[in-house]
Amino acid sequence: MIVNEGEWERVVRVVVGAVLIGGGYVAPYVDRPWSFVVMAVGFVLVATGLIGYCPAWHLFHISTSRKNSRE
């Protein structure tokens, strides 16, 4: 598998994604439709952070990892 995210970016994605998921969970009491969008973005960030691959980075030929490795 191609890894195109550096370690620091993966950590930031997981942390920010978890915060967005938590915020989206609490937000239905404030603004319900946007809470689902916020949670969806959070899930995408957590998933890409755990996997280490971002399709958008691949599309734009961006890599923050020190080396592109295949596992």
PDB file of N, CA and C in Angstrom:
ATOM      1  N   MET A   1       0.845  -1.173   0.000  1.00  0.00           N
ATOM      2  CA  MET A   1       0.000   0.000   0.000  1.00  0.00           C
ATOM      3  C   MET A   1       0.894   1.242   0.000  1.00  0.00           C
ATOM      4  N   ILE A   2       0.496   2.227  -0.770  1.00  0.00           N
ATOM      5  CA  ILE A   2       1.239   3.476  -0.834  1.00  0.00           C
ATOM      6  C   ILE A   2       0.915   4.316   0.399  1.00  0.00           C
ATOM      7  N   VAL A   3       1.944   4.833   1.026  1.00  0.00           N
ATOM      8  CA  VAL A   3       1.779   5.729   2.169  1.00  0.00           C
ATOM      9  C   VAL A   3       2.220   7.112   1.723  1.00  0.00           C
ATOM     10  N   ASN A   4       1.300   8.075   1.754  1.00  0.00           N
ATOM     11  CA  ASN A   4       1.659   9.419   1.324  1.00  0.00           C
ATOM     12  C   ASN A   4       1.434  10.465   2.416  1.00  0.00           C
ATOM     13  N   GLU A   5       1.330  10.005   3.648  1.00  0.00           N
ATOM     14  CA  GLU A   5       1.181  10.914   4.795  1.00  0.00           C
ATOM     15  C   GLU A   5       2.316  10.662   5.774  1.00  0.00           C
ATOM     16  N   GLY A   6       2.894  11.744   6.246  1.00  0.00           N
ATOM     17  CA  GLY A   6       3.938  11.632   7.257  1.00  0.00           C
ATOM     18  C   GLY A   6       3.338  11.300   8.616  1.00  0.00           C
ATOM     19  N   GLU A   7       4.205  10.898   9.535  1.00  0.00           N
ATOM     20  CA  GLU A   7       3.745  10.511  10.872  1.00  0.00           C
ATOM     21  C   GLU A   7       3.029  11.655  11.580  1.00  0.00           C
ATOM     22  N   TRP A   8       3.591  12.863  11.503  1.00  0.00           N
ATOM     23  CA  TRP A   8       2.974  14.011  12.176  1.00  0.00           C
ATOM     24  C   TRP A   8       1.602  14.307  11.594  1.00  0.00           C
ATOM     25  N   GLU A   9       1.456  14.182  10.268  1.00  0.00           N
ATOM     26  CA  GLU A   9       0.164  14.454   9.634  1.00  0.00           C
ATOM     27  C   GLU A   9      -0.876  13.405  10.034  1.00  0.00           C
ATOM     28  N   ARG A  10      -0.440  12.179  10.162  1.00  0.00           N
ATOM     29  CA  ARG A  10      -1.369  11.117  10.562  1.00  0.00           C
ATOM     30  C   ARG A  10      -1.898  11.367  11.968  1.00  0.00           C
ATOM     31  N   VAL A  11      -1.015  11.779  12.871  1.00  0.00           N
ATOM     32  CA  VAL A  11      -1.435  12.067  14.241  1.00  0.00           C
ATOM     33  C   VAL A  11      -2.412  13.242  14.263  1.00  0.00           C
ATOM     34  N   VAL A  12      -2.092  14.293  13.515  1.00  0.00           N
ATOM     35  CA  VAL A  12      -2.970  15.466  13.471  1.00  0.00           C
ATOM     36  C   VAL A  12      -4.334  15.093  12.888  1.00  0.00           C
ATOM     37  N   ARG A  13      -4.346  14.292  11.837  1.00  0.00           N
ATOM     38  CA  ARG A  13      -5.617  13.885  11.228  1.00  0.00           C
ATOM     39  C   ARG A  13      -6.484  13.093  12.210  1.00  0.00           C
ATOM     40  N   VAL A  14      -5.883  12.177  12.934  1.00  0.00           N
ATOM     41  CA  VAL A  14      -6.660  11.367  13.880  1.00  0.00           C
ATOM     42  C   VAL A  14      -7.193  12.233  15.014  1.00  0.00           C
ATOM     43  N   VAL A  15      -6.371  13.118  15.533  1.00  0.00           N
ATOM     44  CA  VAL A  15      -6.808  13.974  16.643  1.00  0.00           C
ATOM     45  C   VAL A  15      -7.907  14.934  16.193  1.00  0.00           C
ATOM     46  N   VAL A  16      -7.689  15.622  15.070  1.00  0.00           N
ATOM     47  CA  VAL A  16      -8.704  16.558  14.571  1.00  0.00           C
ATOM     48  C   VAL A  16      -9.977  15.813  14.188  1.00  0.00           C
ATOM     49  N   GLY A  17      -9.842  14.659  13.583  1.00  0.00           N
ATOM     50  CA  GLY A  17     -11.014  13.856  13.231  1.00  0.00           C
ATOM     51  C   GLY A  17     -11.812  13.439  14.453  1.00  0.00           C
ATOM     52  N   ALA A  18     -11.114  13.029  15.515  1.00  0.00           N
ATOM     53  CA  ALA A  18     -11.804  12.641  16.746  1.00  0.00           C
ATOM     54  C   ALA A  18     -12.528  13.828  17.363  1.00  0.00           C
ATOM     55  N   VAL A  19     -11.906  14.997  17.314  1.00  0.00           N
ATOM     56  CA  VAL A  19     -12.558  16.203  17.838  1.00  0.00           C
ATOM     57  C   VAL A  19     -13.803  16.527  17.018  1.00  0.00           C
ATOM     58  N   LEU A  20     -13.722  16.411  15.698  1.00  0.00           N
ATOM     59  CA  LEU A  20     -14.882  16.687  14.855  1.00  0.00           C
ATOM     60  C   LEU A  20     -16.010  15.680  15.087  1.00  0.00           C
ATOM     61  N   ILE A  21     -15.649  14.421  15.276  1.00  0.00           N
ATOM     62  CA  ILE A  21     -16.668  13.414  15.557  1.00  0.00           C
ATOM     63  C   ILE A  21     -17.348  13.728  16.878  1.00  0.00           C
ATOM     64  N   GLY A  22     -16.574  14.059  17.886  1.00  0.00           N
ATOM     65  CA  GLY A  22     -17.146  14.428  19.179  1.00  0.00           C
ATOM     66  C   GLY A  22     -18.001  15.673  19.090  1.00  0.00           C
ATOM     67  N   GLY A  23     -17.525  16.671  18.346  1.00  0.00           N
ATOM     68  CA  GLY A  23     -18.305  17.893  18.164  1.00  0.00           C
ATOM     69  C   GLY A  23     -19.583  17.640  17.394  1.00  0.00           C
ATOM     70  N   GLY A  24     -19.522  16.775  16.399  1.00  0.00           N
ATOM     71  CA  GLY A  24     -20.723  16.432  15.644  1.00  0.00           C
ATOM     72  C   GLY A  24     -21.712  15.642  16.464  1.00  0.00           C
ATOM     73  N   TYR A  25     -21.208  14.890  17.428  1.00  0.00           N
ATOM     74  CA  TYR A  25     -22.085  14.118  18.307  1.00  0.00           C
ATOM     75  C   TYR A  25     -22.848  15.033  19.254  1.00  0.00           C
ATOM     76  N   VAL A  26     -22.205  16.095  19.697  1.00  0.00           N
ATOM     77  CA  VAL A  26     -22.836  17.046  20.615  1.00  0.00           C
ATOM     78  C   VAL A  26     -23.690  18.057  19.858  1.00  0.00           C
ATOM     79  N   ALA A  27     -23.333  18.369  18.617  1.00  0.00           N
ATOM     80  CA  ALA A  27     -23.989  19.416  17.836  1.00  0.00           C
ATOM     81  C   ALA A  27     -25.455  19.176  17.475  1.00  0.00           C
ATOM     82  N   PRO A  28     -26.009  17.952  17.486  1.00  0.00           N
ATOM     83  CA  PRO A  28     -27.419  17.828  17.132  1.00  0.00           C
ATOM     84  C   PRO A  28     -28.333  18.681  17.998  1.00  0.00           C
ATOM     85  N   TYR A  29     -27.866  19.014  19.166  1.00  0.00           N
ATOM     86  CA  TYR A  29     -28.673  19.865  20.028  1.00  0.00           C
ATOM     87  C   TYR A  29     -28.639  21.316  19.566  1.00  0.00           C
ATOM     88  N   VAL A  30     -27.660  21.641  18.706  1.00  0.00           N
ATOM     89  CA  VAL A  30     -27.519  23.001  18.212  1.00  0.00           C
ATOM     90  C   VAL A  30     -28.008  23.109  16.767  1.00  0.00           C
ATOM     91  N   ASP A  31     -27.411  22.358  15.879  1.00  0.00           N
ATOM     92  CA  ASP A  31     -27.748  22.423  14.456  1.00  0.00           C
ATOM     93  C   ASP A  31     -27.588  21.029  13.852  1.00  0.00           C
ATOM     94  N   ARG A  32     -28.662  20.293  13.799  1.00  0.00           N
ATOM     95  CA  ARG A  32     -28.633  18.890  13.417  1.00  0.00           C
ATOM     96  C   ARG A  32     -28.066  18.595  12.026  1.00  0.00           C
ATOM     97  N   PRO A  33     -28.488  19.256  10.943  1.00  0.00           N
ATOM     98  CA  PRO A  33     -27.953  18.867   9.625  1.00  0.00           C
ATOM     99  C   PRO A  33     -26.438  18.999   9.515  1.00  0.00           C
ATOM    100  N   TRP A  34     -25.882  20.053  10.081  1.00  0.00           N
ATOM    101  CA  TRP A  34     -24.441  20.235   9.985  1.00  0.00           C
ATOM    102  C   TRP A  34     -23.672  19.241  10.839  1.00  0.00           C
ATOM    103  N   SER A  35     -24.298  18.705  11.846  1.00  0.00           N
ATOM    104  CA  SER A  35     -23.594  17.747  12.695  1.00  0.00           C
ATOM    105  C   SER A  35     -23.206  16.494  11.914  1.00  0.00           C
ATOM    106  N   PHE A  36     -24.065  16.070  10.982  1.00  0.00           N
ATOM    107  CA  PHE A  36     -23.738  14.891  10.172  1.00  0.00           C
ATOM    108  C   PHE A  36     -22.572  15.178   9.232  1.00  0.00           C
ATOM    109  N   VAL A  37     -22.515  16.378   8.689  1.00  0.00           N
ATOM    110  CA  VAL A  37     -21.412  16.759   7.810  1.00  0.00           C
ATOM    111  C   VAL A  37     -20.108  16.798   8.603  1.00  0.00           C
ATOM    112  N   VAL A  38     -20.154  17.391   9.775  1.00  0.00           N
ATOM    113  CA  VAL A  38     -18.961  17.481  10.622  1.00  0.00           C
ATOM    114  C   VAL A  38     -18.484  16.093  11.019  1.00  0.00           C
ATOM    115  N   MET A  39     -19.399  15.218  11.373  1.00  0.00           N
ATOM    116  CA  MET A  39     -19.018  13.853  11.746  1.00  0.00           C
ATOM    117  C   MET A  39     -18.456  13.088  10.549  1.00  0.00           C
ATOM    118  N   ALA A  40     -19.018  13.280   9.364  1.00  0.00           N
ATOM    119  CA  ALA A  40     -18.519  12.602   8.163  1.00  0.00           C
ATOM    120  C   ALA A  40     -17.091  13.032   7.850  1.00  0.00           C
ATOM    121  N   VAL A  41     -16.824  14.315   7.951  1.00  0.00           N
ATOM    122  CA  VAL A  41     -15.462  14.812   7.731  1.00  0.00           C
ATOM    123  C   VAL A  41     -14.524  14.227   8.782  1.00  0.00           C
ATOM    124  N   GLY A  42     -14.984  14.146  10.013  1.00  0.00           N
ATOM    125  CA  GLY A  42     -14.178  13.557  11.079  1.00  0.00           C
ATOM    126  C   GLY A  42     -13.849  12.099  10.815  1.00  0.00           C
ATOM    127  N   PHE A  43     -14.830  11.332  10.353  1.00  0.00           N
ATOM    128  CA  PHE A  43     -14.586   9.922  10.040  1.00  0.00           C
ATOM    129  C   PHE A  43     -13.591   9.769   8.896  1.00  0.00           C
ATOM    130  N   VAL A  44     -13.688  10.621   7.884  1.00  0.00           N
ATOM    131  CA  VAL A  44     -12.743  10.558   6.769  1.00  0.00           C
ATOM    132  C   VAL A  44     -11.335  10.878   7.257  1.00  0.00           C
ATOM    133  N   LEU A  45     -11.202  11.892   8.094  1.00  0.00           N
ATOM    134  CA  LEU A  45      -9.881  12.243   8.618  1.00  0.00           C
ATOM    135  C   LEU A  45      -9.289  11.117   9.464  1.00  0.00           C
ATOM    136  N   VAL A  46     -10.101  10.517  10.307  1.00  0.00           N
ATOM    137  CA  VAL A  46      -9.604   9.406  11.140  1.00  0.00           C
ATOM    138  C   VAL A  46      -9.207   8.223  10.260  1.00  0.00           C
ATOM    139  N   ALA A  47     -10.042   7.895   9.287  1.00  0.00           N
ATOM    140  CA  ALA A  47      -9.743   6.757   8.411  1.00  0.00           C
ATOM    141  C   ALA A  47      -8.460   6.975   7.625  1.00  0.00           C
ATOM    142  N   THR A  48      -8.301   8.150   7.014  1.00  0.00           N
ATOM    143  CA  THR A  48      -7.084   8.402   6.244  1.00  0.00           C
ATOM    144  C   THR A  48      -5.866   8.494   7.149  1.00  0.00           C
ATOM    145  N   GLY A  49      -6.056   8.988   8.369  1.00  0.00           N
ATOM    146  CA  GLY A  49      -4.940   9.039   9.308  1.00  0.00           C
ATOM    147  C   GLY A  49      -4.489   7.660   9.749  1.00  0.00           C
ATOM    148  N   LEU A  50      -5.426   6.765   9.959  1.00  0.00           N
ATOM    149  CA  LEU A  50      -5.071   5.406  10.371  1.00  0.00           C
ATOM    150  C   LEU A  50      -4.469   4.604   9.223  1.00  0.00           C
ATOM    151  N   ILE A  51      -4.978   4.813   8.019  1.00  0.00           N
ATOM    152  CA  ILE A  51      -4.481   4.076   6.858  1.00  0.00           C
ATOM    153  C   ILE A  51      -3.143   4.638   6.385  1.00  0.00           C
ATOM    154  N   GLY A  52      -3.013   5.964   6.435  1.00  0.00           N
ATOM    155  CA  GLY A  52      -1.777   6.606   5.982  1.00  0.00           C
ATOM    156  C   GLY A  52      -1.807   6.989   4.522  1.00  0.00           C
ATOM    157  N   TYR A  53      -2.958   6.902   3.899  1.00  0.00           N
ATOM    158  CA  TYR A  53      -3.101   7.211   2.482  1.00  0.00           C
ATOM    159  C   TYR A  53      -4.239   8.195   2.284  1.00  0.00           C
ATOM    160  N   CYS A  54      -3.972   9.274   1.576  1.00  0.00           N
ATOM    161  CA  CYS A  54      -4.989  10.274   1.259  1.00  0.00           C
ATOM    162  C   CYS A  54      -5.158  10.332  -0.253  1.00  0.00           C
ATOM    163  N   PRO A  55      -6.343  10.003  -0.766  1.00  0.00           N
ATOM    164  CA  PRO A  55      -6.556  10.042  -2.211  1.00  0.00           C
ATOM    165  C   PRO A  55      -6.361  11.436  -2.804  1.00  0.00           C
ATOM    166  N   ALA A  56      -6.701  12.483  -2.062  1.00  0.00           N
ATOM    167  CA  ALA A  56      -6.516  13.847  -2.573  1.00  0.00           C
ATOM    168  C   ALA A  56      -5.031  14.157  -2.732  1.00  0.00           C
ATOM    169  N   TRP A  57      -4.205  13.726  -1.782  1.00  0.00           N
ATOM    170  CA  TRP A  57      -2.766  13.951  -1.894  1.00  0.00           C
ATOM    171  C   TRP A  57      -2.223  13.206  -3.104  1.00  0.00           C
ATOM    172  N   HIS A  58      -2.732  12.003  -3.338  1.00  0.00           N
ATOM    173  CA  HIS A  58      -2.291  11.213  -4.487  1.00  0.00           C
ATOM    174  C   HIS A  58      -2.680  11.895  -5.798  1.00  0.00           C
ATOM    175  N   LEU A  59      -3.879  12.451  -5.844  1.00  0.00           N
ATOM    176  CA  LEU A  59      -4.372  13.112  -7.046  1.00  0.00           C
ATOM    177  C   LEU A  59      -3.502  14.319  -7.407  1.00  0.00           C
ATOM    178  N   PHE A  60      -3.064  15.076  -6.386  1.00  0.00           N
ATOM    179  CA  PHE A  60      -2.247  16.260  -6.618  1.00  0.00           C
ATOM    180  C   PHE A  60      -0.742  15.991  -6.510  1.00  0.00           C
ATOM    181  N   HIS A  61      -0.351  14.728  -6.405  1.00  0.00           N
ATOM    182  CA  HIS A  61       1.060  14.322  -6.317  1.00  0.00           C
ATOM    183  C   HIS A  61       1.765  14.981  -5.129  1.00  0.00           C
ATOM    184  N   ILE A  62       1.085  14.977  -3.987  1.00  0.00           N
ATOM    185  CA  ILE A  62       1.650  15.521  -2.760  1.00  0.00           C
ATOM    186  C   ILE A  62       1.954  14.360  -1.816  1.00  0.00           C
ATOM    187  N   SER A  63       3.085  14.425  -1.163  1.00  0.00           N
ATOM    188  CA  SER A  63       3.438  13.415  -0.177  1.00  0.00           C
ATOM    189  C   SER A  63       4.168  14.083   0.986  1.00  0.00           C
ATOM    190  N   THR A  64       3.671  13.848   2.190  1.00  0.00           N
ATOM    191  CA  THR A  64       4.354  14.389   3.355  1.00  0.00           C
ATOM    192  C   THR A  64       5.168  13.326   4.086  1.00  0.00           C
ATOM    193  N   SER A  65       5.161  12.107   3.554  1.00  0.00           N
ATOM    194  CA  SER A  65       5.957  11.059   4.163  1.00  0.00           C
ATOM    195  C   SER A  65       7.407  11.190   3.695  1.00  0.00           C
ATOM    196  N   ARG A  66       8.299  10.667   4.486  1.00  0.00           N
ATOM    197  CA  ARG A  66       9.724  10.756   4.129  1.00  0.00           C
ATOM    198  C   ARG A  66      10.030   9.911   2.912  1.00  0.00           C
ATOM    199  N   LYS A  67       9.307   8.813   2.780  1.00  0.00           N
ATOM    200  CA  LYS A  67       9.489   7.953   1.597  1.00  0.00           C
ATOM    201  C   LYS A  67       8.157   7.293   1.285  1.00  0.00           C
ATOM    202  N   ASN A  68       7.898   7.068   0.049  1.00  0.00           N
ATOM    203  CA  ASN A  68       6.705   6.337  -0.350  1.00  0.00           C
ATOM    204  C   ASN A  68       7.041   4.862  -0.278  1.00  0.00           C
ATOM    205  N   SER A  69       6.373   4.169   0.635  1.00  0.00           N
ATOM    206  CA  SER A  69       6.677   2.752   0.811  1.00  0.00           C
ATOM    207  C   SER A  69       5.465   1.904   0.450  1.00  0.00           C
ATOM    208  N   ARG A  70       5.746   0.744  -0.039  1.00  0.00           N
ATOM    209  CA  ARG A  70       4.696  -0.213  -0.315  1.00  0.00           C
ATOM    210  C   ARG A  70       4.783  -1.306   0.733  1.00  0.00           C
ATOM    211  N   GLU A  71       3.655  -1.545   1.390  1.00  0.00           N
ATOM    212  CA  GLU A  71       3.662  -2.561   2.451  1.00  0.00           C
ATOM    213  C   GLU A  71       2.922  -3.784   1.990  1.00  0.00           C
TER     214      GLU A  71
END
